[in-house]
Amino acid sequence: MDKFTVVTGIAAPLDRVNVDTDQIIPKQYLKTIKRTGLREGLFSDWRYTSSGETDTSFFMNQPRYQNAAILVAGNNFGCGSSREHAPWALLDYGLRCVIAPSFADIFFNNCFKNGMLPVVLTADEVAQLIAEIEASPGYELGVDLAAQTVTTPSGTSFHFEVDPFRKDCLLNGLDEIGLTLQNETDITAYEQRRRQDAPWLFLEDA
């Protein structure tokens, strides 16, 4: 998993509440277990009209938001089904951080497990950011996980809270597998002892 330390980049606005995971990555794109290639389905129902034409009003279709690294959205982002493809699709597009007043619990947890930082700011702070983003092409935010701050181009900083354990995992790029492998020496030693104590469990090795 990629480390998350400081991310500075273009911020894109999604001024909608209750954005569910089926909108983030519609069900027809869930046939794969790979974490790549999902950007094509990201917000596809909003990116295109019912006739299949590009909807130029949606942020992903506007040149000013190309290569965005940070998404600023409304309340209850990531609600709906518990598909881990949702953060995969956002990451595959290049988004490393989502800022919102609140998140659905499962999506929130899945973000940390995949190297994405969900930042909770107040509704007023999010509204201010969205207004500034929409008014200023090329608007960039800086998100510093160690300092737990979101900084605007004018130098205004907003503080956010984050669980210390999850913060440490992101800073060091550790997912659940990475955390387990930190104890690889102890695991190997246990397996060797177990082979000696209960060899009948390992008959397939004979």
C-alpha atoms as a PDB file:
ATOM      1  CA  MET A   1       0.000   0.000   0.000  1.00  0.00           C
ATOM      2  CA  ASP A   2       1.319   3.456  -0.892  1.00  0.00           C
ATOM      3  CA  LYS A   3       2.211   5.711   2.017  1.00  0.00           C
ATOM      4  CA  PHE A   4       0.139   8.816   2.652  1.00  0.00           C
ATOM      5  CA  THR A   5       2.189  11.662   4.088  1.00  0.00           C
ATOM      6  CA  VAL A   6       1.473  14.964   2.347  1.00  0.00           C
ATOM      7  CA  VAL A   7      -0.733  15.289  -0.728  1.00  0.00           C
ATOM      8  CA  THR A   8      -0.878  18.592  -2.570  1.00  0.00           C
ATOM      9  CA  GLY A   9      -2.951  18.821  -5.716  1.00  0.00           C
ATOM     10  CA  ILE A  10      -5.972  19.996  -7.631  1.00  0.00           C
ATOM     11  CA  ALA A  11      -9.197  19.798  -5.616  1.00  0.00           C
ATOM     12  CA  ALA A  12     -12.462  18.867  -7.330  1.00  0.00           C
ATOM     13  CA  PRO A  13     -15.949  19.639  -5.968  1.00  0.00           C
ATOM     14  CA  LEU A  14     -18.829  17.195  -5.725  1.00  0.00           C
ATOM     15  CA  ASP A  15     -21.488  19.280  -4.018  1.00  0.00           C
ATOM     16  CA  ARG A  16     -23.947  16.438  -3.459  1.00  0.00           C
ATOM     17  CA  VAL A  17     -25.093  14.683  -0.294  1.00  0.00           C
ATOM     18  CA  ASN A  18     -25.634  10.941   0.183  1.00  0.00           C
ATOM     19  CA  VAL A  19     -23.326   9.928  -2.669  1.00  0.00           C
ATOM     20  CA  ASP A  20     -23.656   6.147  -2.523  1.00  0.00           C
ATOM     21  CA  THR A  21     -21.227   3.479  -3.617  1.00  0.00           C
ATOM     22  CA  ASP A  22     -23.410   2.507  -6.573  1.00  0.00           C
ATOM     23  CA  GLN A  23     -22.911   6.014  -7.940  1.00  0.00           C
ATOM     24  CA  ILE A  24     -19.196   5.935  -7.178  1.00  0.00           C
ATOM     25  CA  ILE A  25     -18.781   2.652  -9.080  1.00  0.00           C
ATOM     26  CA  PRO A  26     -21.971   1.161 -10.592  1.00  0.00           C
ATOM     27  CA  LYS A  27     -22.646  -2.552 -10.185  1.00  0.00           C
ATOM     28  CA  GLN A  28     -21.770  -3.525 -13.778  1.00  0.00           C
ATOM     29  CA  TYR A  29     -18.136  -2.700 -13.060  1.00  0.00           C
ATOM     30  CA  LEU A  30     -17.850  -5.105 -10.117  1.00  0.00           C
ATOM     31  CA  LYS A  31     -16.933  -8.169 -12.167  1.00  0.00           C
ATOM     32  CA  THR A  32     -13.223  -7.721 -11.523  1.00  0.00           C
ATOM     33  CA  ILE A  33     -11.161  -8.242  -8.374  1.00  0.00           C
ATOM     34  CA  LYS A  34      -8.349  -6.117  -9.780  1.00  0.00           C
ATOM     35  CA  ARG A  35      -7.847  -2.641  -8.403  1.00  0.00           C
ATOM     36  CA  THR A  36      -6.937  -1.161 -11.777  1.00  0.00           C
ATOM     37  CA  GLY A  37      -9.126  -0.189 -14.710  1.00  0.00           C
ATOM     38  CA  LEU A  38     -11.995   0.923 -12.486  1.00  0.00           C
ATOM     39  CA  ARG A  39     -11.525   4.599 -13.291  1.00  0.00           C
ATOM     40  CA  GLU A  40     -13.569   4.000 -16.441  1.00  0.00           C
ATOM     41  CA  GLY A  41     -16.627   3.284 -14.312  1.00  0.00           C
ATOM     42  CA  LEU A  42     -16.097   5.989 -11.704  1.00  0.00           C
ATOM     43  CA  PHE A  43     -19.295   8.085 -11.451  1.00  0.00           C
ATOM     44  CA  SER A  44     -20.240   6.827 -14.922  1.00  0.00           C
ATOM     45  CA  ASP A  45     -23.962   7.464 -14.417  1.00  0.00           C
ATOM     46  CA  TRP A  46     -23.184  11.127 -13.784  1.00  0.00           C
ATOM     47  CA  ARG A  47     -20.379  11.512 -16.305  1.00  0.00           C
ATOM     48  CA  TYR A  48     -22.650  10.560 -19.185  1.00  0.00           C
ATOM     49  CA  THR A  49     -26.222  11.361 -20.165  1.00  0.00           C
ATOM     50  CA  SER A  50     -28.863   8.666 -20.719  1.00  0.00           C
ATOM     51  CA  SER A  51     -27.987   8.778 -24.430  1.00  0.00           C
ATOM     52  CA  GLY A  52     -24.307   8.146 -23.676  1.00  0.00           C
ATOM     53  CA  GLU A  53     -23.067  11.679 -24.315  1.00  0.00           C
ATOM     54  CA  THR A  54     -20.540  13.355 -22.059  1.00  0.00           C
ATOM     55  CA  ASP A  55     -22.137  15.597 -19.431  1.00  0.00           C
ATOM     56  CA  THR A  56     -19.882  18.650 -19.453  1.00  0.00           C
ATOM     57  CA  SER A  57     -21.407  19.946 -16.207  1.00  0.00           C
ATOM     58  CA  PHE A  58     -19.861  17.093 -14.222  1.00  0.00           C
ATOM     59  CA  PHE A  59     -16.445  17.830 -12.752  1.00  0.00           C
ATOM     60  CA  MET A  60     -14.689  14.823 -14.315  1.00  0.00           C
ATOM     61  CA  ASN A  61     -15.502  16.190 -17.764  1.00  0.00           C
ATOM     62  CA  GLN A  62     -14.098  19.659 -17.122  1.00  0.00           C
ATOM     63  CA  PRO A  63     -10.451  20.353 -18.063  1.00  0.00           C
ATOM     64  CA  ARG A  64      -9.865  22.416 -14.930  1.00  0.00           C
ATOM     65  CA  TYR A  65     -10.333  19.331 -12.728  1.00  0.00           C
ATOM     66  CA  GLN A  66      -8.220  16.910 -14.718  1.00  0.00           C
ATOM     67  CA  ASN A  67      -5.570  15.200 -12.583  1.00  0.00           C
ATOM     68  CA  ALA A  68      -7.439  16.084  -9.380  1.00  0.00           C
ATOM     69  CA  ALA A  69      -5.942  14.457  -6.280  1.00  0.00           C
ATOM     70  CA  ILE A  70      -8.517  15.588  -3.720  1.00  0.00           C
ATOM     71  CA  LEU A  71     -12.310  15.378  -3.811  1.00  0.00           C
ATOM     72  CA  VAL A  72     -14.473  17.663  -1.665  1.00  0.00           C
ATOM     73  CA  ALA A  73     -17.994  16.306  -1.230  1.00  0.00           C
ATOM     74  CA  GLY A  74     -21.185  16.557   0.817  1.00  0.00           C
ATOM     75  CA  ASN A  75     -22.598  14.745   3.841  1.00  0.00           C
ATOM     76  CA  ASN A  76     -22.751  10.961   4.152  1.00  0.00           C
ATOM     77  CA  PHE A  77     -20.301  10.245   1.341  1.00  0.00           C
ATOM     78  CA  GLY A  78     -19.935   6.555   0.462  1.00  0.00           C
ATOM     79  CA  CYS A  79     -23.266   5.333   1.796  1.00  0.00           C
ATOM     80  CA  GLY A  80     -25.011   2.285   0.338  1.00  0.00           C
ATOM     81  CA  SER A  81     -23.511  -1.154  -0.222  1.00  0.00           C
ATOM     82  CA  SER A  82     -20.169  -2.158   1.236  1.00  0.00           C
ATOM     83  CA  ARG A  83     -18.243  -2.489  -2.032  1.00  0.00           C
ATOM     84  CA  GLU A  84     -14.507  -2.043  -1.657  1.00  0.00           C
ATOM     85  CA  HIS A  85     -14.418  -1.241  -5.370  1.00  0.00           C
ATOM     86  CA  ALA A  86     -15.533   2.300  -4.436  1.00  0.00           C
ATOM     87  CA  PRO A  87     -12.210   3.437  -2.947  1.00  0.00           C
ATOM     88  CA  TRP A  88     -10.401   1.354  -5.591  1.00  0.00           C
ATOM     89  CA  ALA A  89     -12.119   3.342  -8.350  1.00  0.00           C
ATOM     90  CA  LEU A  90     -11.357   6.690  -6.696  1.00  0.00           C
ATOM     91  CA  LEU A  91      -7.716   5.711  -6.245  1.00  0.00           C
ATOM     92  CA  ASP A  92      -7.449   4.418  -9.800  1.00  0.00           C
ATOM     93  CA  TYR A  93      -8.604   7.834 -11.007  1.00  0.00           C
ATOM     94  CA  GLY A  94      -5.847   9.465  -8.939  1.00  0.00           C
ATOM     95  CA  LEU A  95      -7.789  10.700  -5.928  1.00  0.00           C
ATOM     96  CA  ARG A  96      -5.904  10.124  -2.659  1.00  0.00           C
ATOM     97  CA  CYS A  97      -8.143  12.070  -0.306  1.00  0.00           C
ATOM     98  CA  VAL A  98     -11.866  12.746   0.098  1.00  0.00           C
ATOM     99  CA  ILE A  99     -13.006  15.619   2.296  1.00  0.00           C
ATOM    100  CA  ALA A 100     -16.600  15.684   3.559  1.00  0.00           C
ATOM    101  CA  PRO A 101     -18.637  16.578   6.659  1.00  0.00           C
ATOM    102  CA  SER A 102     -19.415  12.873   7.223  1.00  0.00           C
ATOM    103  CA  PHE A 103     -18.878   9.439   5.709  1.00  0.00           C
ATOM    104  CA  ALA A 104     -20.669   6.115   5.761  1.00  0.00           C
ATOM    105  CA  ASP A 105     -18.844   3.815   8.191  1.00  0.00           C
ATOM    106  CA  ILE A 106     -17.918   0.951   5.857  1.00  0.00           C
ATOM    107  CA  PHE A 107     -16.638   3.237   3.109  1.00  0.00           C
ATOM    108  CA  PHE A 108     -14.714   5.225   5.728  1.00  0.00           C
ATOM    109  CA  ASN A 109     -13.006   2.055   6.963  1.00  0.00           C
ATOM    110  CA  ASN A 110     -12.295   0.791   3.445  1.00  0.00           C
ATOM    111  CA  CYS A 111     -10.493   4.029   2.607  1.00  0.00           C
ATOM    112  CA  PHE A 112      -7.892   3.504   5.319  1.00  0.00           C
ATOM    113  CA  LYS A 113      -7.393  -0.122   4.273  1.00  0.00           C
ATOM    114  CA  ASN A 114      -6.523   0.988   0.739  1.00  0.00           C
ATOM    115  CA  GLY A 115      -4.287   3.998   1.302  1.00  0.00           C
ATOM    116  CA  MET A 116      -6.909   6.708   0.922  1.00  0.00           C
ATOM    117  CA  LEU A 117      -7.462   9.379   3.560  1.00  0.00           C
ATOM    118  CA  PRO A 118     -11.062  10.374   4.404  1.00  0.00           C
ATOM    119  CA  VAL A 119     -11.020  13.789   6.096  1.00  0.00           C
ATOM    120  CA  VAL A 120     -13.951  15.021   8.163  1.00  0.00           C
ATOM    121  CA  LEU A 121     -14.366  18.801   8.327  1.00  0.00           C
ATOM    122  CA  THR A 122     -17.382  20.790   9.447  1.00  0.00           C
ATOM    123  CA  ALA A 123     -20.207  21.497   7.007  1.00  0.00           C
ATOM    124  CA  ASP A 124     -19.265  25.192   6.991  1.00  0.00           C
ATOM    125  CA  GLU A 125     -15.615  24.436   6.252  1.00  0.00           C
ATOM    126  CA  VAL A 126     -16.559  22.087   3.403  1.00  0.00           C
ATOM    127  CA  ALA A 127     -18.987  24.666   1.983  1.00  0.00           C
ATOM    128  CA  GLN A 128     -16.212  27.278   2.062  1.00  0.00           C
ATOM    129  CA  LEU A 129     -13.810  24.950   0.255  1.00  0.00           C
ATOM    130  CA  ILE A 130     -16.352  24.070  -2.443  1.00  0.00           C
ATOM    131  CA  ALA A 131     -17.130  27.750  -3.032  1.00  0.00           C
ATOM    132  CA  GLU A 132     -13.434  28.616  -3.329  1.00  0.00           C
ATOM    133  CA  ILE A 133     -12.730  25.647  -5.613  1.00  0.00           C
ATOM    134  CA  GLU A 134     -15.555  26.552  -7.986  1.00  0.00           C
ATOM    135  CA  ALA A 135     -14.456  30.203  -8.071  1.00  0.00           C
ATOM    136  CA  SER A 136     -10.766  29.545  -8.708  1.00  0.00           C
ATOM    137  CA  PRO A 137      -9.530  27.367 -11.610  1.00  0.00           C
ATOM    138  CA  GLY A 138      -6.369  25.496 -10.646  1.00  0.00           C
ATOM    139  CA  TYR A 139      -7.296  25.589  -6.959  1.00  0.00           C
ATOM    140  CA  GLU A 140      -4.998  23.308  -4.957  1.00  0.00           C
ATOM    141  CA  LEU A 141      -5.247  21.989  -1.428  1.00  0.00           C
ATOM    142  CA  GLY A 142      -2.494  20.579   0.730  1.00  0.00           C
ATOM    143  CA  VAL A 143      -3.365  17.699   3.033  1.00  0.00           C
ATOM    144  CA  ASP A 144      -0.748  16.941   5.684  1.00  0.00           C
ATOM    145  CA  LEU A 145      -1.532  13.745   7.576  1.00  0.00           C
ATOM    146  CA  ALA A 146       1.231  14.124  10.178  1.00  0.00           C
ATOM    147  CA  ALA A 147       0.055  17.644  11.059  1.00  0.00           C
ATOM    148  CA  GLN A 148      -3.619  16.705  10.476  1.00  0.00           C
ATOM    149  CA  THR A 149      -4.285  19.848   8.448  1.00  0.00           C
ATOM    150  CA  VAL A 150      -5.920  20.863   5.193  1.00  0.00           C
ATOM    151  CA  THR A 151      -4.363  24.064   3.829  1.00  0.00           C
ATOM    152  CA  THR A 152      -5.842  26.358   1.170  1.00  0.00           C
ATOM    153  CA  PRO A 153      -3.883  28.460  -1.365  1.00  0.00           C
ATOM    154  CA  SER A 154      -4.396  31.505   0.861  1.00  0.00           C
ATOM    155  CA  GLY A 155      -2.705  29.752   3.766  1.00  0.00           C
ATOM    156  CA  THR A 156      -5.839  29.027   5.790  1.00  0.00           C
ATOM    157  CA  SER A 157      -5.555  25.703   7.588  1.00  0.00           C
ATOM    158  CA  PHE A 158      -8.310  23.451   8.869  1.00  0.00           C
ATOM    159  CA  HIS A 159      -7.510  20.815  11.492  1.00  0.00           C
ATOM    160  CA  PHE A 160      -8.990  17.331  11.313  1.00  0.00           C
ATOM    161  CA  GLU A 161      -9.015  14.376  13.679  1.00  0.00           C
ATOM    162  CA  VAL A 162      -7.807  10.899  12.785  1.00  0.00           C
ATOM    163  CA  ASP A 163      -7.461   7.693  14.777  1.00  0.00           C
ATOM    164  CA  PRO A 164      -3.783   7.348  15.846  1.00  0.00           C
ATOM    165  CA  PHE A 165      -3.533   3.696  14.747  1.00  0.00           C
ATOM    166  CA  ARG A 166      -5.013   4.405  11.314  1.00  0.00           C
ATOM    167  CA  LYS A 167      -2.802   7.464  10.975  1.00  0.00           C
ATOM    168  CA  ASP A 168       0.305   5.385  11.676  1.00  0.00           C
ATOM    169  CA  CYS A 169      -0.757   2.750   9.146  1.00  0.00           C
ATOM    170  CA  LEU A 170      -1.260   5.332   6.403  1.00  0.00           C
ATOM    171  CA  LEU A 171       1.983   7.150   7.156  1.00  0.00           C
ATOM    172  CA  ASN A 172       3.879   3.855   6.891  1.00  0.00           C
ATOM    173  CA  GLY A 173       1.881   2.363   4.022  1.00  0.00           C
ATOM    174  CA  LEU A 174       0.665  -0.600   6.052  1.00  0.00           C
ATOM    175  CA  ASP A 175      -2.529  -2.437   5.144  1.00  0.00           C
ATOM    176  CA  GLU A 176      -3.719  -5.513   7.084  1.00  0.00           C
ATOM    177  CA  ILE A 177      -1.298  -7.792   5.213  1.00  0.00           C
ATOM    178  CA  GLY A 178       1.560  -5.390   5.825  1.00  0.00           C
ATOM    179  CA  LEU A 179       0.744  -5.256   9.521  1.00  0.00           C
ATOM    180  CA  THR A 180       0.745  -9.057   9.700  1.00  0.00           C
ATOM    181  CA  LEU A 181       4.079  -9.327   7.890  1.00  0.00           C
ATOM    182  CA  GLN A 182       5.691  -7.157  10.552  1.00  0.00           C
ATOM    183  CA  ASN A 183       5.489 -10.311  12.689  1.00  0.00           C
ATOM    184  CA  GLU A 184       6.795 -12.632   9.972  1.00  0.00           C
ATOM    185  CA  THR A 185       9.721 -13.868  12.093  1.00  0.00           C
ATOM    186  CA  ASP A 186       7.409 -14.861  14.960  1.00  0.00           C
ATOM    187  CA  ILE A 187       4.933 -16.469  12.547  1.00  0.00           C
ATOM    188  CA  THR A 188       7.667 -18.551  10.914  1.00  0.00           C
ATOM    189  CA  ALA A 189       9.020 -19.629  14.303  1.00  0.00           C
ATOM    190  CA  TYR A 190       5.538 -20.690  15.417  1.00  0.00           C
ATOM    191  CA  GLU A 191       5.009 -22.723  12.232  1.00  0.00           C
ATOM    192  CA  GLN A 192       8.310 -24.534  12.764  1.00  0.00           C
ATOM    193  CA  ARG A 193       7.417 -25.366  16.380  1.00  0.00           C
ATOM    194  CA  ARG A 194       3.997 -26.536  15.280  1.00  0.00           C
ATOM    195  CA  ARG A 195       5.523 -28.936  12.743  1.00  0.00           C
ATOM    196  CA  GLN A 196       7.573 -30.496  15.528  1.00  0.00           C
ATOM    197  CA  ASP A 197       4.744 -30.650  18.069  1.00  0.00           C
ATOM    198  CA  ALA A 198       2.062 -31.936  15.667  1.00  0.00           C
ATOM    199  CA  PRO A 199       3.744 -33.454  12.584  1.00  0.00           C
ATOM    200  CA  TRP A 200       0.551 -35.320  11.635  1.00  0.00           C
ATOM    201  CA  LEU A 201      -0.957 -32.004  10.617  1.00  0.00           C
ATOM    202  CA  PHE A 202       1.653 -31.640   7.899  1.00  0.00           C
ATOM    203  CA  LEU A 203       1.476 -35.044   6.203  1.00  0.00           C
ATOM    204  CA  GLU A 204       1.115 -33.377   2.802  1.00  0.00           C
ATOM    205  CA  ASP A 205       4.736 -32.269   3.120  1.00  0.00           C
ATOM    206  CA  ALA A 206       5.981 -35.850   3.379  1.00  0.00           C
END
